[in-house]
Amino acid sequence: MSSRKLGGIIFGAASLIVIGYTIYKIIMGKDVGFNEISSIAIVLMMFLSAITWGNKEDKDGILIDEELGQRITEKSSKISYFILVFLILVAVFVDELINGTVNIFLLGILGLSMIILPLVEFMMSRKYQ
């Protein structure tokens, strides 16, 4: 069995365990907080990384160090950036609908998220000029 499949199985099982435990806490009426949400995000991140990228030793799949892997990372980063900005915009809108006021911290994050990409692009362009 390749390390890619083994990693996928291990991290997939860990994801199911953490998600199952969080659902159990919700059903039992206990508080779900930062630890549960961050644990779910971390194990899902590791699972998706394990099933996406290949391994040099096993020669199975796309390697993150190759040109194709770098191109995939570049495109997916930009797409995920725009999805995240949109989701923050929706969160600001929903928060205003529910509470009747705008959460200044959430609005600040929205503003920062909108200028991060152009700022980083500007700084990178200066590096190559």
C-alpha atoms as a PDB file:
ATOM      1  CA  MET A   1       0.000   0.000   0.000  1.00  0.00           C
ATOM      2  CA  SER A   2       1.376   3.422  -0.934  1.00  0.00           C
ATOM      3  CA  SER A   3       2.001   6.055   1.698  1.00  0.00           C
ATOM      4  CA  ARG A   4      -0.534   8.289  -0.077  1.00  0.00           C
ATOM      5  CA  LYS A   5      -3.328   5.747   0.444  1.00  0.00           C
ATOM      6  CA  LEU A   6      -2.216   4.979   3.982  1.00  0.00           C
ATOM      7  CA  GLY A   7      -2.133   8.686   4.860  1.00  0.00           C
ATOM      8  CA  GLY A   8      -5.559   9.130   3.289  1.00  0.00           C
ATOM      9  CA  ILE A   9      -6.979   6.279   5.363  1.00  0.00           C
ATOM     10  CA  ILE A  10      -5.400   7.478   8.626  1.00  0.00           C
ATOM     11  CA  PHE A  11      -6.353  11.127   8.209  1.00  0.00           C
ATOM     12  CA  GLY A  12      -9.786  10.187   6.846  1.00  0.00           C
ATOM     13  CA  ALA A  13     -10.467   8.068   9.934  1.00  0.00           C
ATOM     14  CA  ALA A  14      -9.191  10.868  12.196  1.00  0.00           C
ATOM     15  CA  SER A  15     -11.498  13.313  10.412  1.00  0.00           C
ATOM     16  CA  LEU A  16     -14.496  11.067  10.930  1.00  0.00           C
ATOM     17  CA  ILE A  17     -13.642  10.591  14.616  1.00  0.00           C
ATOM     18  CA  VAL A  18     -13.267  14.330  15.274  1.00  0.00           C
ATOM     19  CA  ILE A  19     -16.419  15.211  13.307  1.00  0.00           C
ATOM     20  CA  GLY A  20     -18.334  12.408  15.055  1.00  0.00           C
ATOM     21  CA  TYR A  21     -17.202  13.639  18.483  1.00  0.00           C
ATOM     22  CA  THR A  22     -18.261  17.196  17.627  1.00  0.00           C
ATOM     23  CA  ILE A  23     -21.683  16.008  16.449  1.00  0.00           C
ATOM     24  CA  TYR A  24     -21.978  14.008  19.694  1.00  0.00           C
ATOM     25  CA  LYS A  25     -21.225  17.165  21.710  1.00  0.00           C
ATOM     26  CA  ILE A  26     -23.875  19.088  19.764  1.00  0.00           C
ATOM     27  CA  ILE A  27     -26.473  16.367  20.335  1.00  0.00           C
ATOM     28  CA  MET A  28     -25.659  16.234  24.059  1.00  0.00           C
ATOM     29  CA  GLY A  29     -26.109  20.016  24.298  1.00  0.00           C
ATOM     30  CA  LYS A  30     -22.503  20.772  25.166  1.00  0.00           C
ATOM     31  CA  ASP A  31     -20.684  23.831  23.889  1.00  0.00           C
ATOM     32  CA  VAL A  32     -18.726  23.496  20.664  1.00  0.00           C
ATOM     33  CA  GLY A  33     -15.884  25.968  20.506  1.00  0.00           C
ATOM     34  CA  PHE A  34     -12.513  26.813  19.085  1.00  0.00           C
ATOM     35  CA  ASN A  35     -10.893  23.454  19.854  1.00  0.00           C
ATOM     36  CA  GLU A  36     -13.490  21.396  17.987  1.00  0.00           C
ATOM     37  CA  ILE A  37     -13.659  23.685  14.960  1.00  0.00           C
ATOM     38  CA  SER A  38      -9.884  24.023  14.645  1.00  0.00           C
ATOM     39  CA  SER A  39      -9.415  20.253  15.112  1.00  0.00           C
ATOM     40  CA  ILE A  40     -11.885  19.523  12.317  1.00  0.00           C
ATOM     41  CA  ALA A  41     -10.134  22.038  10.055  1.00  0.00           C
ATOM     42  CA  ILE A  42      -6.665  20.642  10.792  1.00  0.00           C
ATOM     43  CA  VAL A  43      -7.507  16.967  10.208  1.00  0.00           C
ATOM     44  CA  LEU A  44      -9.501  17.782   7.048  1.00  0.00           C
ATOM     45  CA  MET A  45      -6.586  19.877   5.780  1.00  0.00           C
ATOM     46  CA  MET A  46      -4.198  16.980   6.393  1.00  0.00           C
ATOM     47  CA  PHE A  47      -6.606  14.476   4.789  1.00  0.00           C
ATOM     48  CA  LEU A  48      -7.066  16.574   1.645  1.00  0.00           C
ATOM     49  CA  SER A  49      -3.322  17.178   1.386  1.00  0.00           C
ATOM     50  CA  ALA A  50      -2.618  13.450   1.777  1.00  0.00           C
ATOM     51  CA  ILE A  51      -5.003  12.458  -1.015  1.00  0.00           C
ATOM     52  CA  THR A  52      -3.979  15.320  -3.336  1.00  0.00           C
ATOM     53  CA  TRP A  53      -0.199  15.175  -3.506  1.00  0.00           C
ATOM     54  CA  GLY A  54       1.936  12.262  -4.571  1.00  0.00           C
ATOM     55  CA  ASN A  55       5.163  10.957  -3.143  1.00  0.00           C
ATOM     56  CA  LYS A  56       8.605  10.829  -4.799  1.00  0.00           C
ATOM     57  CA  GLU A  57       9.380   7.394  -3.374  1.00  0.00           C
ATOM     58  CA  ASP A  58       6.075   5.834  -4.469  1.00  0.00           C
ATOM     59  CA  LYS A  59       5.870   7.820  -7.741  1.00  0.00           C
ATOM     60  CA  ASP A  60       2.104   8.101  -7.359  1.00  0.00           C
ATOM     61  CA  GLY A  61       0.445  11.298  -8.468  1.00  0.00           C
ATOM     62  CA  ILE A  62       1.404  14.913  -8.862  1.00  0.00           C
ATOM     63  CA  LEU A  63       4.271  16.189  -6.741  1.00  0.00           C
ATOM     64  CA  ILE A  64       3.928  19.566  -5.072  1.00  0.00           C
ATOM     65  CA  ASP A  65       7.521  20.442  -6.053  1.00  0.00           C
ATOM     66  CA  GLU A  66       6.943  19.913  -9.782  1.00  0.00           C
ATOM     67  CA  GLU A  67       5.884  22.683 -12.148  1.00  0.00           C
ATOM     68  CA  LEU A  68       2.351  21.272 -12.431  1.00  0.00           C
ATOM     69  CA  GLY A  69       2.045  21.067  -8.648  1.00  0.00           C
ATOM     70  CA  GLN A  70       3.167  24.664  -8.276  1.00  0.00           C
ATOM     71  CA  ARG A  71       0.686  25.787 -10.944  1.00  0.00           C
ATOM     72  CA  ILE A  72      -2.138  23.922  -9.179  1.00  0.00           C
ATOM     73  CA  THR A  73      -1.176  25.556  -5.874  1.00  0.00           C
ATOM     74  CA  GLU A  74      -1.042  29.004  -7.486  1.00  0.00           C
ATOM     75  CA  LYS A  75      -4.459  28.717  -9.155  1.00  0.00           C
ATOM     76  CA  SER A  76      -6.159  27.130  -6.159  1.00  0.00           C
ATOM     77  CA  SER A  77      -4.743  29.804  -3.840  1.00  0.00           C
ATOM     78  CA  LYS A  78      -6.213  32.616  -5.906  1.00  0.00           C
ATOM     79  CA  ILE A  79      -9.588  30.885  -6.261  1.00  0.00           C
ATOM     80  CA  SER A  80      -9.747  30.136  -2.530  1.00  0.00           C
ATOM     81  CA  TYR A  81      -8.855  33.767  -1.771  1.00  0.00           C
ATOM     82  CA  PHE A  82     -11.864  35.041  -3.726  1.00  0.00           C
ATOM     83  CA  ILE A  83     -14.152  32.432  -2.158  1.00  0.00           C
ATOM     84  CA  LEU A  84     -12.967  33.480   1.307  1.00  0.00           C
ATOM     85  CA  VAL A  85     -13.548  37.193   0.581  1.00  0.00           C
ATOM     86  CA  PHE A  86     -17.061  36.368  -0.642  1.00  0.00           C
ATOM     87  CA  LEU A  87     -17.801  34.293   2.471  1.00  0.00           C
ATOM     88  CA  ILE A  88     -16.593  37.099   4.743  1.00  0.00           C
ATOM     89  CA  LEU A  89     -18.842  39.527   2.824  1.00  0.00           C
ATOM     90  CA  VAL A  90     -21.793  37.175   3.341  1.00  0.00           C
ATOM     91  CA  ALA A  91     -20.916  36.859   7.052  1.00  0.00           C
ATOM     92  CA  VAL A  92     -20.920  40.668   7.449  1.00  0.00           C
ATOM     93  CA  PHE A  93     -24.290  40.856   5.687  1.00  0.00           C
ATOM     94  CA  VAL A  94     -25.853  38.031   7.726  1.00  0.00           C
ATOM     95  CA  ASP A  95     -24.454  39.451  10.973  1.00  0.00           C
ATOM     96  CA  GLU A  96     -26.051  42.808  10.162  1.00  0.00           C
ATOM     97  CA  LEU A  97     -29.381  41.124   9.380  1.00  0.00           C
ATOM     98  CA  ILE A  98     -29.377  39.098  12.603  1.00  0.00           C
ATOM     99  CA  ASN A  99     -28.001  41.679  15.047  1.00  0.00           C
ATOM    100  CA  GLY A 100     -29.053  44.910  13.366  1.00  0.00           C
ATOM    101  CA  THR A 101     -25.530  46.314  13.725  1.00  0.00           C
ATOM    102  CA  VAL A 102     -22.272  45.797  11.925  1.00  0.00           C
ATOM    103  CA  ASN A 103     -19.544  43.929  13.809  1.00  0.00           C
ATOM    104  CA  ILE A 104     -16.552  46.258  13.478  1.00  0.00           C
ATOM    105  CA  PHE A 105     -14.013  43.434  13.743  1.00  0.00           C
ATOM    106  CA  LEU A 106     -15.731  41.415  11.012  1.00  0.00           C
ATOM    107  CA  LEU A 107     -15.952  44.532   8.849  1.00  0.00           C
ATOM    108  CA  GLY A 108     -12.245  45.171   9.448  1.00  0.00           C
ATOM    109  CA  ILE A 109     -11.398  41.614   8.370  1.00  0.00           C
ATOM    110  CA  LEU A 110     -13.490  42.151   5.225  1.00  0.00           C
ATOM    111  CA  GLY A 111     -11.564  45.326   4.439  1.00  0.00           C
ATOM    112  CA  LEU A 112      -8.224  43.616   5.022  1.00  0.00           C
ATOM    113  CA  SER A 113      -9.245  40.635   2.923  1.00  0.00           C
ATOM    114  CA  MET A 114     -10.093  42.916   0.020  1.00  0.00           C
ATOM    115  CA  ILE A 115      -6.684  44.640  -0.007  1.00  0.00           C
ATOM    116  CA  ILE A 116      -4.406  41.693   0.828  1.00  0.00           C
ATOM    117  CA  LEU A 117      -4.187  40.284  -2.728  1.00  0.00           C
ATOM    118  CA  PRO A 118      -3.464  43.591  -4.506  1.00  0.00           C
ATOM    119  CA  LEU A 119      -0.958  44.522  -1.790  1.00  0.00           C
ATOM    120  CA  VAL A 120       0.907  41.215  -2.063  1.00  0.00           C
ATOM    121  CA  GLU A 121       0.847  41.419  -5.878  1.00  0.00           C
ATOM    122  CA  PHE A 122       2.309  44.931  -5.664  1.00  0.00           C
ATOM    123  CA  MET A 123       5.069  43.824  -3.312  1.00  0.00           C
ATOM    124  CA  MET A 124       5.892  40.792  -5.480  1.00  0.00           C
ATOM    125  CA  SER A 125       6.005  42.929  -8.621  1.00  0.00           C
ATOM    126  CA  ARG A 126       8.487  45.255  -6.897  1.00  0.00           C
ATOM    127  CA  LYS A 127      10.631  42.249  -6.053  1.00  0.00           C
ATOM    128  CA  TYR A 128      10.950  41.313  -9.758  1.00  0.00           C
ATOM    129  CA  GLN A 129      11.470  44.833 -11.133  1.00  0.00           C
END
